Amino acid sequence: MIARLVAGLGADHVLWGTDSIWFGSPQWQIEAFRRIELPNDLQDRLQLEPLGPADGPIKNAIFGINAAGQYGIDLDASGQPLADYAGDRLSRLKKEYLAAGEERDNMVWGWIQDS
């Protein structure tokens, strides 16, 4: 299915996603996808290109490079961020957390609906 998506949409239009919020860590799926390759007979019969090595351009694109554009992160030719994002909101929150001694504040964040 992934090889057909890559062939039909292009490797630059396929993103990795997971339902790990419901079923736990997706690490086994990530490792399996890094190792998977379309068998030669299917490549020939379906006229599909190989997915390539575990750290090849197609799998790296699917696992993160393609998503960078969705988040406004500029990458260099090797897929590494051009800028240091140490000042982003998540980094600031982590810094505040560490400065607070890595302790919970027990604050309720977000909306509370009365019944």
N, C-alpha and C. Protein backbone atom coordinates (compact mmCIF):
# COMPACT_ATOMS: atom_id res chain seq x y z
N MET A 1 0.82 -1.18 0.00
CA MET A 1 0.00 0.00 0.00
C MET A 1 0.87 1.26 0.00
N ILE A 2 1.92 1.26 0.80
CA ILE A 2 2.81 2.42 0.85
C ILE A 2 3.47 2.65 -0.52
N ALA A 3 3.90 1.59 -1.16
CA ALA A 3 4.53 1.72 -2.48
C ALA A 3 3.55 2.31 -3.49
N ARG A 4 2.29 1.94 -3.39
CA ARG A 4 1.28 2.51 -4.30
C ARG A 4 1.03 3.98 -3.98
N LEU A 5 1.01 4.34 -2.71
CA LEU A 5 0.87 5.75 -2.35
C LEU A 5 2.04 6.58 -2.88
N VAL A 6 3.24 6.06 -2.71
CA VAL A 6 4.43 6.75 -3.19
C VAL A 6 4.39 6.89 -4.72
N ALA A 7 3.97 5.83 -5.40
CA ALA A 7 3.89 5.88 -6.86
C ALA A 7 2.81 6.85 -7.33
N GLY A 8 1.68 6.85 -6.65
CA GLY A 8 0.56 7.68 -7.09
C GLY A 8 0.65 9.13 -6.67
N LEU A 9 1.12 9.38 -5.45
CA LEU A 9 1.15 10.74 -4.92
C LEU A 9 2.53 11.37 -4.98
N GLY A 10 3.55 10.53 -5.01
CA GLY A 10 4.93 11.00 -4.91
C GLY A 10 5.39 10.88 -3.47
N ALA A 11 6.66 10.55 -3.28
CA ALA A 11 7.19 10.36 -1.92
C ALA A 11 7.10 11.62 -1.08
N ASP A 12 7.01 12.78 -1.74
CA ASP A 12 6.94 14.04 -0.99
C ASP A 12 5.52 14.38 -0.52
N HIS A 13 4.55 13.49 -0.78
CA HIS A 13 3.18 13.73 -0.35
C HIS A 13 2.65 12.65 0.59
N VAL A 14 3.53 11.84 1.15
CA VAL A 14 3.13 10.77 2.07
C VAL A 14 3.73 11.08 3.44
N LEU A 15 2.89 11.04 4.49
CA LEU A 15 3.33 11.31 5.85
C LEU A 15 3.12 10.08 6.73
N TRP A 16 4.00 9.89 7.70
CA TRP A 16 3.86 8.83 8.68
C TRP A 16 2.82 9.26 9.70
N GLY A 17 1.96 8.35 10.07
CA GLY A 17 0.98 8.60 11.12
C GLY A 17 0.75 7.33 11.89
N THR A 18 0.22 7.46 13.08
CA THR A 18 0.00 6.30 13.92
C THR A 18 -1.21 6.52 14.82
N ASP A 19 -1.79 5.44 15.26
CA ASP A 19 -2.88 5.51 16.22
C ASP A 19 -2.36 5.15 17.61
N SER A 20 -1.09 5.51 17.88
CA SER A 20 -0.46 5.10 19.13
C SER A 20 -1.14 5.67 20.37
N ILE A 21 -1.90 6.73 20.22
CA ILE A 21 -2.62 7.27 21.37
C ILE A 21 -3.59 6.22 21.93
N TRP A 22 -4.06 5.31 21.08
CA TRP A 22 -5.00 4.28 21.52
C TRP A 22 -4.32 2.96 21.82
N PHE A 23 -3.24 2.64 21.11
CA PHE A 23 -2.69 1.29 21.19
C PHE A 23 -1.26 1.22 21.68
N GLY A 24 -0.71 2.28 22.23
CA GLY A 24 0.63 2.23 22.78
C GLY A 24 1.70 2.64 21.79
N SER A 25 2.93 2.45 22.19
CA SER A 25 4.08 2.89 21.41
C SER A 25 4.10 2.27 20.01
N PRO A 26 4.35 3.11 19.00
CA PRO A 26 4.42 2.59 17.63
C PRO A 26 5.83 2.17 17.22
N GLN A 27 6.75 2.05 18.18
CA GLN A 27 8.15 1.79 17.82
C GLN A 27 8.30 0.54 16.97
N TRP A 28 7.54 -0.49 17.25
CA TRP A 28 7.65 -1.72 16.46
C TRP A 28 7.20 -1.46 15.02
N GLN A 29 6.21 -0.59 14.83
CA GLN A 29 5.76 -0.27 13.48
C GLN A 29 6.82 0.54 12.74
N ILE A 30 7.46 1.46 13.45
CA ILE A 30 8.51 2.26 12.85
C ILE A 30 9.67 1.37 12.41
N GLU A 31 10.08 0.47 13.29
CA GLU A 31 11.18 -0.44 12.96
C GLU A 31 10.82 -1.34 11.79
N ALA A 32 9.58 -1.82 11.77
CA ALA A 32 9.14 -2.68 10.67
C ALA A 32 9.12 -1.91 9.35
N PHE A 33 8.63 -0.68 9.37
CA PHE A 33 8.59 0.11 8.14
C PHE A 33 9.99 0.45 7.66
N ARG A 34 10.92 0.69 8.57
CA ARG A 34 12.30 0.97 8.17
C ARG A 34 12.90 -0.24 7.44
N ARG A 35 12.51 -1.46 7.85
CA ARG A 35 13.09 -2.67 7.25
C ARG A 35 12.36 -3.17 6.01
N ILE A 36 11.11 -2.77 5.84
CA ILE A 36 10.28 -3.36 4.78
C ILE A 36 10.75 -2.95 3.38
N GLU A 37 10.59 -3.87 2.46
CA GLU A 37 10.83 -3.59 1.05
C GLU A 37 9.84 -4.40 0.24
N LEU A 38 9.38 -3.81 -0.81
CA LEU A 38 8.46 -4.48 -1.72
C LEU A 38 9.22 -5.59 -2.45
N PRO A 39 8.74 -6.82 -2.42
CA PRO A 39 9.44 -7.91 -3.11
C PRO A 39 9.59 -7.62 -4.61
N ASN A 40 10.68 -8.11 -5.18
CA ASN A 40 10.99 -7.85 -6.59
C ASN A 40 9.87 -8.27 -7.53
N ASP A 41 9.23 -9.43 -7.26
CA ASP A 41 8.17 -9.88 -8.16
C ASP A 41 6.98 -8.92 -8.15
N LEU A 42 6.67 -8.33 -6.98
CA LEU A 42 5.59 -7.34 -6.92
C LEU A 42 6.00 -6.02 -7.59
N GLN A 43 7.25 -5.66 -7.43
CA GLN A 43 7.73 -4.46 -8.11
C GLN A 43 7.55 -4.60 -9.61
N ASP A 44 7.92 -5.76 -10.15
CA ASP A 44 7.81 -6.00 -11.60
C ASP A 44 6.35 -6.08 -12.03
N ARG A 45 5.57 -6.85 -11.31
CA ARG A 45 4.18 -7.08 -11.70
C ARG A 45 3.33 -5.81 -11.60
N LEU A 46 3.54 -5.01 -10.54
CA LEU A 46 2.74 -3.82 -10.32
C LEU A 46 3.41 -2.54 -10.84
N GLN A 47 4.61 -2.70 -11.39
CA GLN A 47 5.38 -1.57 -11.92
C GLN A 47 5.59 -0.48 -10.85
N LEU A 48 6.08 -0.91 -9.70
CA LEU A 48 6.34 0.00 -8.59
C LEU A 48 7.83 0.06 -8.31
N GLU A 49 8.28 1.20 -7.82
CA GLU A 49 9.68 1.39 -7.47
C GLU A 49 9.94 0.87 -6.05
N PRO A 50 11.17 0.46 -5.77
CA PRO A 50 11.50 0.03 -4.40
C PRO A 50 11.41 1.21 -3.43
N LEU A 51 11.15 0.90 -2.16
CA LEU A 51 11.08 1.94 -1.14
C LEU A 51 12.46 2.37 -0.67
N GLY A 52 13.45 1.55 -0.89
CA GLY A 52 14.83 1.92 -0.57
C GLY A 52 15.26 1.53 0.83
N PRO A 53 16.49 1.93 1.17
CA PRO A 53 17.06 1.56 2.47
C PRO A 53 16.35 2.23 3.64
N ALA A 54 16.64 1.72 4.84
CA ALA A 54 16.00 2.22 6.06
C ALA A 54 16.20 3.71 6.26
N ASP A 55 17.37 4.21 5.91
CA ASP A 55 17.65 5.64 6.09
C ASP A 55 17.73 6.36 4.75
N GLY A 56 17.04 5.80 3.76
CA GLY A 56 17.03 6.37 2.43
C GLY A 56 16.10 7.57 2.30
N PRO A 57 16.13 8.23 1.17
CA PRO A 57 15.34 9.45 1.00
C PRO A 57 13.83 9.26 1.08
N ILE A 58 13.31 8.15 0.60
CA ILE A 58 11.86 7.94 0.63
C ILE A 58 11.37 7.75 2.06
N LYS A 59 12.00 6.88 2.80
CA LYS A 59 11.56 6.61 4.18
C LYS A 59 11.84 7.81 5.09
N ASN A 60 12.94 8.52 4.89
CA ASN A 60 13.20 9.73 5.68
C ASN A 60 12.16 10.80 5.40
N ALA A 61 11.76 10.91 4.14
CA ALA A 61 10.73 11.89 3.78
C ALA A 61 9.42 11.55 4.48
N ILE A 62 9.02 10.29 4.43
CA ILE A 62 7.76 9.86 5.04
C ILE A 62 7.79 10.03 6.55
N PHE A 63 8.93 9.76 7.17
CA PHE A 63 9.02 9.83 8.63
C PHE A 63 9.19 11.23 9.19
N GLY A 64 9.45 12.24 8.38
CA GLY A 64 9.59 13.55 9.01
C GLY A 64 9.84 14.72 8.09
N ILE A 65 10.59 14.50 7.05
CA ILE A 65 10.93 15.63 6.18
C ILE A 65 9.67 16.24 5.58
N ASN A 66 8.73 15.41 5.16
CA ASN A 66 7.48 15.93 4.57
C ASN A 66 6.66 16.71 5.59
N ALA A 67 6.69 16.31 6.84
CA ALA A 67 5.91 16.98 7.87
C ALA A 67 6.50 18.34 8.24
N ALA A 68 7.77 18.55 7.99
CA ALA A 68 8.42 19.81 8.36
C ALA A 68 7.71 20.99 7.72
N GLY A 69 7.31 20.85 6.48
CA GLY A 69 6.60 21.93 5.79
C GLY A 69 5.27 22.25 6.44
N GLN A 70 4.61 21.25 7.00
CA GLN A 70 3.33 21.46 7.67
C GLN A 70 3.50 22.33 8.92
N TYR A 71 4.70 22.30 9.50
CA TYR A 71 4.96 23.05 10.72
C TYR A 71 5.83 24.28 10.48
N GLY A 72 6.08 24.60 9.21
CA GLY A 72 6.86 25.79 8.88
C GLY A 72 8.33 25.68 9.23
N ILE A 73 8.87 24.48 9.21
CA ILE A 73 10.28 24.28 9.53
C ILE A 73 11.06 24.17 8.22
N ASP A 74 12.01 25.07 8.02
CA ASP A 74 12.84 25.06 6.81
C ASP A 74 13.98 24.08 7.00
N LEU A 75 14.22 23.24 5.99
CA LEU A 75 15.25 22.22 6.05
C LEU A 75 16.32 22.46 5.01
N ASP A 76 17.54 21.97 5.29
CA ASP A 76 18.59 22.02 4.28
C ASP A 76 18.47 20.81 3.38
N ALA A 77 19.39 20.63 2.46
CA ALA A 77 19.32 19.54 1.49
C ALA A 77 19.35 18.16 2.13
N SER A 78 19.96 18.05 3.32
CA SER A 78 20.03 16.75 3.99
C SER A 78 18.84 16.49 4.90
N GLY A 79 17.88 17.44 4.97
CA GLY A 79 16.70 17.25 5.79
C GLY A 79 16.83 17.73 7.22
N GLN A 80 17.89 18.48 7.51
CA GLN A 80 18.10 19.01 8.85
C GLN A 80 17.55 20.43 8.94
N PRO A 81 17.01 20.83 10.10
CA PRO A 81 16.47 22.19 10.24
C PRO A 81 17.55 23.25 10.00
N LEU A 82 17.17 24.32 9.31
CA LEU A 82 18.09 25.42 9.05
C LEU A 82 18.26 26.31 10.27
N ALA A 83 17.23 26.43 11.05
CA ALA A 83 17.27 27.33 12.20
C ALA A 83 17.29 26.55 13.50
N ASP A 84 17.77 27.20 14.54
CA ASP A 84 17.72 26.64 15.88
C ASP A 84 16.36 27.05 16.47
N TYR A 85 15.54 26.08 16.79
CA TYR A 85 14.20 26.37 17.28
C TYR A 85 14.13 26.37 18.80
N ALA A 86 15.21 26.80 19.44
CA ALA A 86 15.25 26.80 20.90
C ALA A 86 14.26 27.79 21.51
N GLY A 87 13.78 28.76 20.73
CA GLY A 87 12.87 29.74 21.27
C GLY A 87 11.41 29.45 20.99
N ASP A 88 11.10 28.26 20.46
CA ASP A 88 9.69 27.96 20.18
C ASP A 88 8.93 27.73 21.49
N ARG A 89 7.61 27.66 21.38
CA ARG A 89 6.76 27.57 22.58
C ARG A 89 7.06 26.31 23.39
N LEU A 90 7.24 25.18 22.73
CA LEU A 90 7.51 23.93 23.45
C LEU A 90 8.84 24.02 24.19
N SER A 91 9.85 24.60 23.58
CA SER A 91 11.14 24.76 24.25
C SER A 91 11.02 25.69 25.46
N ARG A 92 10.23 26.76 25.32
CA ARG A 92 10.03 27.67 26.46
C ARG A 92 9.31 26.95 27.60
N LEU A 93 8.29 26.15 27.27
CA LEU A 93 7.57 25.41 28.31
C LEU A 93 8.49 24.42 29.02
N LYS A 94 9.36 23.76 28.26
CA LYS A 94 10.29 22.81 28.87
C LYS A 94 11.26 23.55 29.79
N LYS A 95 11.73 24.71 29.35
CA LYS A 95 12.64 25.50 30.17
C LYS A 95 11.97 25.91 31.49
N GLU A 96 10.71 26.34 31.42
CA GLU A 96 9.97 26.71 32.62
C GLU A 96 9.79 25.50 33.55
N TYR A 97 9.51 24.35 32.96
CA TYR A 97 9.34 23.12 33.74
C TYR A 97 10.63 22.76 34.47
N LEU A 98 11.75 22.83 33.77
CA LEU A 98 13.03 22.51 34.39
C LEU A 98 13.38 23.53 35.47
N ALA A 99 13.08 24.81 35.20
CA ALA A 99 13.36 25.86 36.19
C ALA A 99 12.52 25.69 37.45
N ALA A 100 11.35 25.09 37.30
CA ALA A 100 10.48 24.86 38.46
C ALA A 100 10.86 23.60 39.22
N GLY A 101 11.98 23.03 38.89
CA GLY A 101 12.44 21.84 39.60
C GLY A 101 11.80 20.56 39.12
N GLU A 102 11.28 20.58 37.90
CA GLU A 102 10.65 19.42 37.29
C GLU A 102 9.48 18.90 38.13
N GLU A 103 8.78 19.81 38.76
CA GLU A 103 7.63 19.46 39.59
C GLU A 103 6.34 19.85 38.89
N ARG A 104 5.30 19.06 39.08
CA ARG A 104 3.99 19.42 38.56
C ARG A 104 3.46 20.61 39.32
N ASP A 105 2.65 21.42 38.64
CA ASP A 105 2.04 22.56 39.33
C ASP A 105 0.57 22.27 39.69
N ASN A 106 0.04 21.14 39.24
CA ASN A 106 -1.34 20.73 39.52
C ASN A 106 -2.38 21.75 39.08
N MET A 107 -2.01 22.63 38.17
CA MET A 107 -2.95 23.59 37.61
C MET A 107 -3.81 22.87 36.58
N VAL A 108 -5.02 23.34 36.43
CA VAL A 108 -5.91 22.81 35.41
C VAL A 108 -5.78 23.71 34.20
N TRP A 109 -5.36 23.16 33.07
CA TRP A 109 -5.16 23.92 31.85
C TRP A 109 -6.27 23.58 30.89
N GLY A 110 -6.88 24.60 30.31
CA GLY A 110 -7.93 24.37 29.33
C GLY A 110 -9.30 24.71 29.90
N TRP A 111 -10.32 24.35 29.18
CA TRP A 111 -11.69 24.67 29.55
C TRP A 111 -12.28 23.57 30.42
N ILE A 112 -13.10 23.98 31.36
CA ILE A 112 -13.82 23.04 32.20
C ILE A 112 -15.30 23.27 31.95
N GLN A 113 -16.01 22.24 31.65
CA GLN A 113 -17.44 22.37 31.36
C GLN A 113 -18.24 21.93 32.59
N ASP A 114 -19.12 22.82 33.04
CA ASP A 114 -20.02 22.46 34.14
C ASP A 114 -21.15 21.62 33.59
N SER A 115 -21.61 20.66 34.39
CA SER A 115 -22.71 19.85 33.90
C SER A 115 -24.05 20.39 34.31
